[in-house]
Amino acid sequence: TREALVDAGRSLVDVLRDDLGLTGTKVNCRLGECG
């Protein structure tokens, strides 16, 4: 169980990487095209 305060417009990938430190999830296109 994890808790955070987040801006309503933040993406799940940003919370996982930036807030929870789980950097295995990568970021590339930010358009849902690359996976």
PDB file of all heavy atoms in Angstrom:
ATOM      1  N   THR A   1       0.840  -1.195   0.000  1.00  0.00           N
ATOM      2  CA  THR A   1       0.000   0.000   0.000  1.00  0.00           C
ATOM      3  C   THR A   1       0.873   1.242   0.000  1.00  0.00           C
ATOM      4  O   THR A   1       1.798   1.358   0.805  1.00  0.00           O
ATOM      5  CB  THR A   1      -0.947   0.019   1.221  1.00  0.00           C
ATOM      6  OG1 THR A   1      -1.762  -1.154   1.172  1.00  0.00           O
ATOM      7  CG2 THR A   1      -1.824   1.246   1.215  1.00  0.00           C
ATOM      8  N   ARG A   2       0.578   2.138  -0.923  1.00  0.00           N
ATOM      9  CA  ARG A   2       1.325   3.380  -1.052  1.00  0.00           C
ATOM     10  C   ARG A   2       0.338   4.538  -1.038  1.00  0.00           C
ATOM     11  O   ARG A   2      -0.776   4.421  -1.560  1.00  0.00           O
ATOM     12  CB  ARG A   2       2.122   3.406  -2.363  1.00  0.00           C
ATOM     13  CG  ARG A   2       3.052   2.218  -2.572  1.00  0.00           C
ATOM     14  CD  ARG A   2       4.197   2.132  -1.579  1.00  0.00           C
ATOM     15  NE  ARG A   2       5.117   3.232  -1.675  1.00  0.00           N
ATOM     16  CZ  ARG A   2       6.268   3.221  -2.328  1.00  0.00           C
ATOM     17  NH1 ARG A   2       6.652   2.124  -2.961  1.00  0.00           N
ATOM     18  NH2 ARG A   2       7.042   4.280  -2.349  1.00  0.00           N
ATOM     19  N   GLU A   3       0.768   5.655  -0.479  1.00  0.00           N
ATOM     20  CA  GLU A   3      -0.071   6.847  -0.426  1.00  0.00           C
ATOM     21  C   GLU A   3       0.724   8.051  -0.889  1.00  0.00           C
ATOM     22  O   GLU A   3       1.945   8.121  -0.699  1.00  0.00           O
ATOM     23  CB  GLU A   3      -0.582   7.080   0.999  1.00  0.00           C
ATOM     24  CG  GLU A   3      -1.513   5.990   1.478  1.00  0.00           C
ATOM     25  CD  GLU A   3      -2.030   6.235   2.898  1.00  0.00           C
ATOM     26  OE1 GLU A   3      -1.609   7.212   3.535  1.00  0.00           O
ATOM     27  OE2 GLU A   3      -2.855   5.427   3.346  1.00  0.00           O
ATOM     28  N   ALA A   4       0.019   8.999  -1.509  1.00  0.00           N
ATOM     29  CA  ALA A   4       0.658  10.227  -1.969  1.00  0.00           C
ATOM     30  C   ALA A   4      -0.417  11.284  -2.158  1.00  0.00           C
ATOM     31  O   ALA A   4      -1.609  10.974  -2.250  1.00  0.00           O
ATOM     32  CB  ALA A   4       1.387   9.982  -3.284  1.00  0.00           C
ATOM     33  N   LEU A   5      -0.002  12.517  -2.198  1.00  0.00           N
ATOM     34  CA  LEU A   5      -0.869  13.621  -2.595  1.00  0.00           C
ATOM     35  C   LEU A   5      -0.460  13.990  -4.012  1.00  0.00           C
ATOM     36  O   LEU A   5       0.720  14.253  -4.269  1.00  0.00           O
ATOM     37  CB  LEU A   5      -0.697  14.825  -1.665  1.00  0.00           C
ATOM     38  CG  LEU A   5      -1.296  14.680  -0.279  1.00  0.00           C
ATOM     39  CD1 LEU A   5      -0.946  15.902   0.577  1.00  0.00           C
ATOM     40  CD2 LEU A   5      -2.813  14.515  -0.357  1.00  0.00           C
ATOM     41  N   VAL A   6      -1.415  13.969  -4.925  1.00  0.00           N
ATOM     42  CA  VAL A   6      -1.076  14.202  -6.330  1.00  0.00           C
ATOM     43  C   VAL A   6      -1.991  15.234  -6.956  1.00  0.00           C
ATOM     44  O   VAL A   6      -3.155  15.374  -6.587  1.00  0.00           O
ATOM     45  CB  VAL A   6      -1.136  12.898  -7.155  1.00  0.00           C
ATOM     46  CG1 VAL A   6      -0.147  11.870  -6.616  1.00  0.00           C
ATOM     47  CG2 VAL A   6      -2.527  12.323  -7.181  1.00  0.00           C
ATOM     48  N   ASP A   7      -1.449  15.932  -7.909  1.00  0.00           N
ATOM     49  CA  ASP A   7      -2.221  16.832  -8.743  1.00  0.00           C
ATOM     50  C   ASP A   7      -3.172  15.987  -9.584  1.00  0.00           C
ATOM     51  O   ASP A   7      -2.778  14.930 -10.086  1.00  0.00           O
ATOM     52  CB  ASP A   7      -1.257  17.623  -9.636  1.00  0.00           C
ATOM     53  CG  ASP A   7      -1.976  18.638 -10.486  1.00  0.00           C
ATOM     54  OD1 ASP A   7      -2.606  18.214 -11.479  1.00  0.00           O
ATOM     55  OD2 ASP A   7      -1.898  19.834 -10.170  1.00  0.00           O
ATOM     56  N   ALA A   8      -4.387  16.422  -9.752  1.00  0.00           N
ATOM     57  CA  ALA A   8      -5.402  15.649 -10.475  1.00  0.00           C
ATOM     58  C   ALA A   8      -4.985  15.317 -11.901  1.00  0.00           C
ATOM     59  O   ALA A   8      -5.429  14.316 -12.457  1.00  0.00           O
ATOM     60  CB  ALA A   8      -6.725  16.404 -10.484  1.00  0.00           C
ATOM     61  N   GLY A   9      -4.122  16.097 -12.499  1.00  0.00           N
ATOM     62  CA  GLY A   9      -3.717  15.882 -13.875  1.00  0.00           C
ATOM     63  C   GLY A   9      -2.445  15.085 -14.066  1.00  0.00           C
ATOM     64  O   GLY A   9      -2.016  14.868 -15.189  1.00  0.00           O
ATOM     65  N   ARG A  10      -1.841  14.596 -12.978  1.00  0.00           N
ATOM     66  CA  ARG A  10      -0.589  13.842 -13.113  1.00  0.00           C
ATOM     67  C   ARG A  10      -0.825  12.427 -13.599  1.00  0.00           C
ATOM     68  O   ARG A  10      -1.769  11.751 -13.191  1.00  0.00           O
ATOM     69  CB  ARG A  10       0.153  13.782 -11.778  1.00  0.00           C
ATOM     70  CG  ARG A  10       0.905  15.072 -11.552  1.00  0.00           C
ATOM     71  CD  ARG A  10       1.849  15.066 -10.426  1.00  0.00           C
ATOM     72  NE  ARG A  10       3.065  14.309 -10.689  1.00  0.00           N
ATOM     73  CZ  ARG A  10       3.730  13.696  -9.738  1.00  0.00           C
ATOM     74  NH1 ARG A  10       3.320  13.713  -8.486  1.00  0.00           N
ATOM     75  NH2 ARG A  10       4.842  13.049 -10.026  1.00  0.00           N
ATOM     76  N   SER A  11       0.088  11.979 -14.418  1.00  0.00           N
ATOM     77  CA  SER A  11      -0.022  10.624 -14.954  1.00  0.00           C
ATOM     78  C   SER A  11       0.480   9.605 -13.939  1.00  0.00           C
ATOM     79  O   SER A  11       1.299   9.913 -13.065  1.00  0.00           O
ATOM     80  CB  SER A  11       0.785  10.494 -16.246  1.00  0.00           C
ATOM     81  OG  SER A  11       2.163  10.592 -15.967  1.00  0.00           O
ATOM     82  N   LEU A  12       0.007   8.401 -14.095  1.00  0.00           N
ATOM     83  CA  LEU A  12       0.438   7.300 -13.228  1.00  0.00           C
ATOM     84  C   LEU A  12       1.933   7.050 -13.383  1.00  0.00           C
ATOM     85  O   LEU A  12       2.625   6.807 -12.391  1.00  0.00           O
ATOM     86  CB  LEU A  12      -0.365   6.036 -13.550  1.00  0.00           C
ATOM     87  CG  LEU A  12      -0.039   4.789 -12.738  1.00  0.00           C
ATOM     88  CD1 LEU A  12      -0.198   5.033 -11.245  1.00  0.00           C
ATOM     89  CD2 LEU A  12      -0.908   3.621 -13.198  1.00  0.00           C
ATOM     90  N   VAL A  13       2.457   7.144 -14.599  1.00  0.00           N
ATOM     91  CA  VAL A  13       3.888   6.900 -14.796  1.00  0.00           C
ATOM     92  C   VAL A  13       4.729   7.910 -14.026  1.00  0.00           C
ATOM     93  O   VAL A  13       5.753   7.561 -13.447  1.00  0.00           O
ATOM     94  CB  VAL A  13       4.281   6.849 -16.292  1.00  0.00           C
ATOM     95  CG1 VAL A  13       4.273   8.218 -16.938  1.00  0.00           C
ATOM     96  CG2 VAL A  13       5.630   6.183 -16.458  1.00  0.00           C
ATOM     97  N   ASP A  14       4.298   9.159 -13.974  1.00  0.00           N
ATOM     98  CA  ASP A  14       5.059  10.165 -13.236  1.00  0.00           C
ATOM     99  C   ASP A  14       5.038   9.893 -11.737  1.00  0.00           C
ATOM    100  O   ASP A  14       6.055  10.053 -11.059  1.00  0.00           O
ATOM    101  CB  ASP A  14       4.532  11.573 -13.538  1.00  0.00           C
ATOM    102  CG  ASP A  14       4.887  12.025 -14.942  1.00  0.00           C
ATOM    103  OD1 ASP A  14       5.874  11.523 -15.513  1.00  0.00           O
ATOM    104  OD2 ASP A  14       4.157  12.888 -15.479  1.00  0.00           O
ATOM    105  N   VAL A  15       3.899   9.486 -11.215  1.00  0.00           N
ATOM    106  CA  VAL A  15       3.816   9.170  -9.784  1.00  0.00           C
ATOM    107  C   VAL A  15       4.673   7.947  -9.466  1.00  0.00           C
ATOM    108  O   VAL A  15       5.415   7.938  -8.480  1.00  0.00           O
ATOM    109  CB  VAL A  15       2.344   8.972  -9.341  1.00  0.00           C
ATOM    110  CG1 VAL A  15       2.261   8.402  -7.935  1.00  0.00           C
ATOM    111  CG2 VAL A  15       1.583  10.292  -9.435  1.00  0.00           C
ATOM    112  N   LEU A  16       4.594   6.917 -10.309  1.00  0.00           N
ATOM    113  CA  LEU A  16       5.398   5.712 -10.069  1.00  0.00           C
ATOM    114  C   LEU A  16       6.886   6.040 -10.070  1.00  0.00           C
ATOM    115  O   LEU A  16       7.619   5.628  -9.172  1.00  0.00           O
ATOM    116  CB  LEU A  16       5.107   4.647 -11.135  1.00  0.00           C
ATOM    117  CG  LEU A  16       3.733   3.997 -11.076  1.00  0.00           C
ATOM    118  CD1 LEU A  16       3.502   3.137 -12.317  1.00  0.00           C
ATOM    119  CD2 LEU A  16       3.559   3.186  -9.804  1.00  0.00           C
ATOM    120  N   ARG A  17       7.329   6.781 -11.059  1.00  0.00           N
ATOM    121  CA  ARG A  17       8.760   7.067 -11.200  1.00  0.00           C
ATOM    122  C   ARG A  17       9.234   8.134 -10.213  1.00  0.00           C
ATOM    123  O   ARG A  17      10.222   7.940  -9.513  1.00  0.00           O
ATOM    124  CB  ARG A  17       9.075   7.511 -12.631  1.00  0.00           C
ATOM    125  CG  ARG A  17       8.952   6.386 -13.652  1.00  0.00           C
ATOM    126  CD  ARG A  17       9.273   6.879 -15.060  1.00  0.00           C
ATOM    127  NE  ARG A  17      10.594   7.459 -15.154  1.00  0.00           N
ATOM    128  CZ  ARG A  17      11.714   6.766 -15.304  1.00  0.00           C
ATOM    129  NH1 ARG A  17      11.666   5.441 -15.396  1.00  0.00           N
ATOM    130  NH2 ARG A  17      12.884   7.369 -15.381  1.00  0.00           N
ATOM    131  N   ASP A  18       8.548   9.272 -10.188  1.00  0.00           N
ATOM    132  CA  ASP A  18       9.034  10.427  -9.431  1.00  0.00           C
ATOM    133  C   ASP A  18       8.704  10.361  -7.941  1.00  0.00           C
ATOM    134  O   ASP A  18       9.526  10.736  -7.117  1.00  0.00           O
ATOM    135  CB  ASP A  18       8.478  11.724 -10.015  1.00  0.00           C
ATOM    136  CG  ASP A  18       8.880  11.932 -11.463  1.00  0.00           C
ATOM    137  OD1 ASP A  18       9.878  11.325 -11.907  1.00  0.00           O
ATOM    138  OD2 ASP A  18       8.181  12.696 -12.164  1.00  0.00           O
ATOM    139  N   ASP A  19       7.508   9.908  -7.606  1.00  0.00           N
ATOM    140  CA  ASP A  19       7.094   9.900  -6.202  1.00  0.00           C
ATOM    141  C   ASP A  19       7.438   8.591  -5.499  1.00  0.00           C
ATOM    142  O   ASP A  19       7.776   8.593  -4.321  1.00  0.00           O
ATOM    143  CB  ASP A  19       5.585  10.150  -6.081  1.00  0.00           C
ATOM    144  CG  ASP A  19       5.165  11.503  -6.617  1.00  0.00           C
ATOM    145  OD1 ASP A  19       6.026  12.291  -7.050  1.00  0.00           O
ATOM    146  OD2 ASP A  19       3.947  11.775  -6.616  1.00  0.00           O
ATOM    147  N   LEU A  20       7.322   7.476  -6.231  1.00  0.00           N
ATOM    148  CA  LEU A  20       7.529   6.167  -5.601  1.00  0.00           C
ATOM    149  C   LEU A  20       8.886   5.548  -5.945  1.00  0.00           C
ATOM    150  O   LEU A  20       9.237   4.489  -5.424  1.00  0.00           O
ATOM    151  CB  LEU A  20       6.396   5.210  -5.979  1.00  0.00           C
ATOM    152  CG  LEU A  20       4.979   5.711  -5.647  1.00  0.00           C
ATOM    153  CD1 LEU A  20       3.936   4.672  -6.039  1.00  0.00           C
ATOM    154  CD2 LEU A  20       4.858   6.087  -4.177  1.00  0.00           C
ATOM    155  N   GLY A  21       9.634   6.167  -6.835  1.00  0.00           N
ATOM    156  CA  GLY A  21      10.981   5.698  -7.155  1.00  0.00           C
ATOM    157  C   GLY A  21      11.044   4.407  -7.947  1.00  0.00           C
ATOM    158  O   GLY A  21      12.069   3.736  -7.958  1.00  0.00           O
ATOM    159  N   LEU A  22       9.968   4.059  -8.622  1.00  0.00           N
ATOM    160  CA  LEU A  22       9.923   2.822  -9.404  1.00  0.00           C
ATOM    161  C   LEU A  22      10.249   3.154 -10.864  1.00  0.00           C
ATOM    162  O   LEU A  22       9.367   3.354 -11.694  1.00  0.00           O
ATOM    163  CB  LEU A  22       8.553   2.158  -9.267  1.00  0.00           C
ATOM    164  CG  LEU A  22       8.215   1.736  -7.841  1.00  0.00           C
ATOM    165  CD1 LEU A  22       6.761   1.318  -7.723  1.00  0.00           C
ATOM    166  CD2 LEU A  22       9.141   0.628  -7.386  1.00  0.00           C
ATOM    167  N   THR A  23      11.517   3.196 -11.166  1.00  0.00           N
ATOM    168  CA  THR A  23      11.972   3.658 -12.470  1.00  0.00           C
ATOM    169  C   THR A  23      12.055   2.563 -13.529  1.00  0.00           C
ATOM    170  O   THR A  23      12.486   2.824 -14.653  1.00  0.00           O
ATOM    171  CB  THR A  23      13.340   4.355 -12.339  1.00  0.00           C
ATOM    172  OG1 THR A  23      14.260   3.425 -11.759  1.00  0.00           O
ATOM    173  CG2 THR A  23      13.232   5.604 -11.481  1.00  0.00           C
ATOM    174  N   GLY A  24      11.634   1.351 -13.203  1.00  0.00           N
ATOM    175  CA  GLY A  24      11.589   0.284 -14.200  1.00  0.00           C
ATOM    176  C   GLY A  24      10.558   0.573 -15.271  1.00  0.00           C
ATOM    177  O   GLY A  24      10.701   0.137 -16.409  1.00  0.00           O
ATOM    178  N   THR A  25       9.531   1.309 -14.924  1.00  0.00           N
ATOM    179  CA  THR A  25       8.534   1.742 -15.898  1.00  0.00           C
ATOM    180  C   THR A  25       9.136   2.910 -16.655  1.00  0.00           C
ATOM    181  O   THR A  25       9.492   3.919 -16.060  1.00  0.00           O
ATOM    182  CB  THR A  25       7.226   2.172 -15.195  1.00  0.00           C
ATOM    183  OG1 THR A  25       6.760   1.074 -14.399  1.00  0.00           O
ATOM    184  CG2 THR A  25       6.167   2.553 -16.202  1.00  0.00           C
ATOM    185  N   LYS A  26       9.267   2.756 -17.961  1.00  0.00           N
ATOM    186  CA  LYS A  26       9.945   3.761 -18.772  1.00  0.00           C
ATOM    187  C   LYS A  26       8.970   4.794 -19.323  1.00  0.00           C
ATOM    188  O   LYS A  26       7.768   4.568 -19.375  1.00  0.00           O
ATOM    189  CB  LYS A  26      10.698   3.099 -19.934  1.00  0.00           C
ATOM    190  CG  LYS A  26      11.677   2.036 -19.494  1.00  0.00           C
ATOM    191  CD  LYS A  26      12.708   2.583 -18.532  1.00  0.00           C
ATOM    192  CE  LYS A  26      13.691   1.519 -18.107  1.00  0.00           C
ATOM    193  NZ  LYS A  26      14.305   1.807 -16.841  1.00  0.00           N
ATOM    194  N   VAL A  27       9.526   5.926 -19.750  1.00  0.00           N
ATOM    195  CA  VAL A  27       8.749   7.001 -20.371  1.00  0.00           C
ATOM    196  C   VAL A  27       9.386   7.314 -21.709  1.00  0.00           C
ATOM    197  O   VAL A  27      10.598   7.477 -21.791  1.00  0.00           O
ATOM    198  CB  VAL A  27       8.741   8.275 -19.499  1.00  0.00           C
ATOM    199  CG1 VAL A  27       7.942   9.370 -20.174  1.00  0.00           C
ATOM    200  CG2 VAL A  27       8.193   7.985 -18.122  1.00  0.00           C
ATOM    201  N   ASN A  28       8.565   7.387 -22.746  1.00  0.00           N
ATOM    202  CA  ASN A  28       9.099   7.722 -24.054  1.00  0.00           C
ATOM    203  C   ASN A  28       8.172   8.685 -24.778  1.00  0.00           C
ATOM    204  O   ASN A  28       8.408   9.873 -24.768  1.00  0.00           O
ATOM    205  CB  ASN A  28       9.343   6.456 -24.877  1.00  0.00           C
ATOM    206  CG  ASN A  28      10.077   6.724 -26.160  1.00  0.00           C
ATOM    207  OD1 ASN A  28      10.997   7.526 -26.199  1.00  0.00           O
ATOM    208  ND2 ASN A  28       9.671   6.063 -27.225  1.00  0.00           N
ATOM    209  N   CYS A  29       7.108   8.184 -25.372  1.00  0.00           N
ATOM    210  CA  CYS A  29       6.300   9.022 -26.257  1.00  0.00           C
ATOM    211  C   CYS A  29       5.258   9.881 -25.536  1.00  0.00           C
ATOM    212  O   CYS A  29       4.854  10.901 -26.058  1.00  0.00           O
ATOM    213  CB  CYS A  29       5.605   8.154 -27.298  1.00  0.00           C
ATOM    214  SG  CYS A  29       4.247   7.137 -26.638  1.00  0.00           S
ATOM    215  N   ARG A  30       4.816   9.441 -24.382  1.00  0.00           N
ATOM    216  CA  ARG A  30       3.741  10.102 -23.633  1.00  0.00           C
ATOM    217  C   ARG A  30       2.443  10.229 -24.436  1.00  0.00           C
ATOM    218  O   ARG A  30       1.597  11.061 -24.164  1.00  0.00           O
ATOM    219  CB  ARG A  30       4.171  11.466 -23.109  1.00  0.00           C
ATOM    220  CG  ARG A  30       5.227  11.372 -22.029  1.00  0.00           C
ATOM    221  CD  ARG A  30       5.340  12.660 -21.247  1.00  0.00           C
ATOM    222  NE  ARG A  30       6.324  12.551 -20.196  1.00  0.00           N
ATOM    223  CZ  ARG A  30       6.051  12.148 -18.960  1.00  0.00           C
ATOM    224  NH1 ARG A  30       4.828  11.810 -18.620  1.00  0.00           N
ATOM    225  NH2 ARG A  30       7.006  12.089 -18.058  1.00  0.00           N
ATOM    226  N   LEU A  31       2.306   9.363 -25.446  1.00  0.00           N
ATOM    227  CA  LEU A  31       1.110   9.357 -26.292  1.00  0.00           C
ATOM    228  C   LEU A  31       0.420   7.997 -26.306  1.00  0.00           C
ATOM    229  O   LEU A  31      -0.545   7.809 -27.022  1.00  0.00           O
ATOM    230  CB  LEU A  31       1.477   9.742 -27.733  1.00  0.00           C
ATOM    231  CG  LEU A  31       2.077  11.124 -27.941  1.00  0.00           C
ATOM    232  CD1 LEU A  31       2.604  11.264 -29.362  1.00  0.00           C
ATOM    233  CD2 LEU A  31       1.057  12.193 -27.629  1.00  0.00           C
ATOM    234  N   GLY A  32       0.951   7.027 -25.560  1.00  0.00           N
ATOM    235  CA  GLY A  32       0.368   5.691 -25.540  1.00  0.00           C
ATOM    236  C   GLY A  32       0.637   4.899 -26.800  1.00  0.00           C
ATOM    237  O   GLY A  32      -0.065   3.932 -27.082  1.00  0.00           O
ATOM    238  N   GLU A  33       1.649   5.277 -27.545  1.00  0.00           N
ATOM    239  CA  GLU A  33       1.930   4.600 -28.807  1.00  0.00           C
ATOM    240  C   GLU A  33       3.071   3.595 -28.733  1.00  0.00           C
ATOM    241  O   GLU A  33       3.159   2.715 -29.570  1.00  0.00           O
ATOM    242  CB  GLU A  33       2.232   5.637 -29.894  1.00  0.00           C
ATOM    243  CG  GLU A  33       1.028   6.481 -30.219  1.00  0.00           C
ATOM    244  CD  GLU A  33       1.306   7.524 -31.289  1.00  0.00           C
ATOM    245  OE1 GLU A  33       2.443   7.581 -31.784  1.00  0.00           O
ATOM    246  OE2 GLU A  33       0.383   8.273 -31.604  1.00  0.00           O
ATOM    247  N   CYS A  34       3.970   3.729 -27.750  1.00  0.00           N
ATOM    248  CA  CYS A  34       5.167   2.888 -27.760  1.00  0.00           C
ATOM    249  C   CYS A  34       5.113   1.742 -26.750  1.00  0.00           C
ATOM    250  O   CYS A  34       5.779   0.733 -26.933  1.00  0.00           O
ATOM    251  CB  CYS A  34       6.408   3.734 -27.526  1.00  0.00           C
ATOM    252  SG  CYS A  34       6.551   4.387 -25.848  1.00  0.00           S
ATOM    253  N   GLY A  35       4.368   1.883 -25.677  1.00  0.00           N
ATOM    254  CA  GLY A  35       4.237   0.809 -24.695  1.00  0.00           C
ATOM    255  C   GLY A  35       5.333   0.727 -23.649  1.00  0.00           C
ATOM    256  O   GLY A  35       5.296  -0.155 -22.800  1.00  0.00           O
TER     257      GLY A  35
END
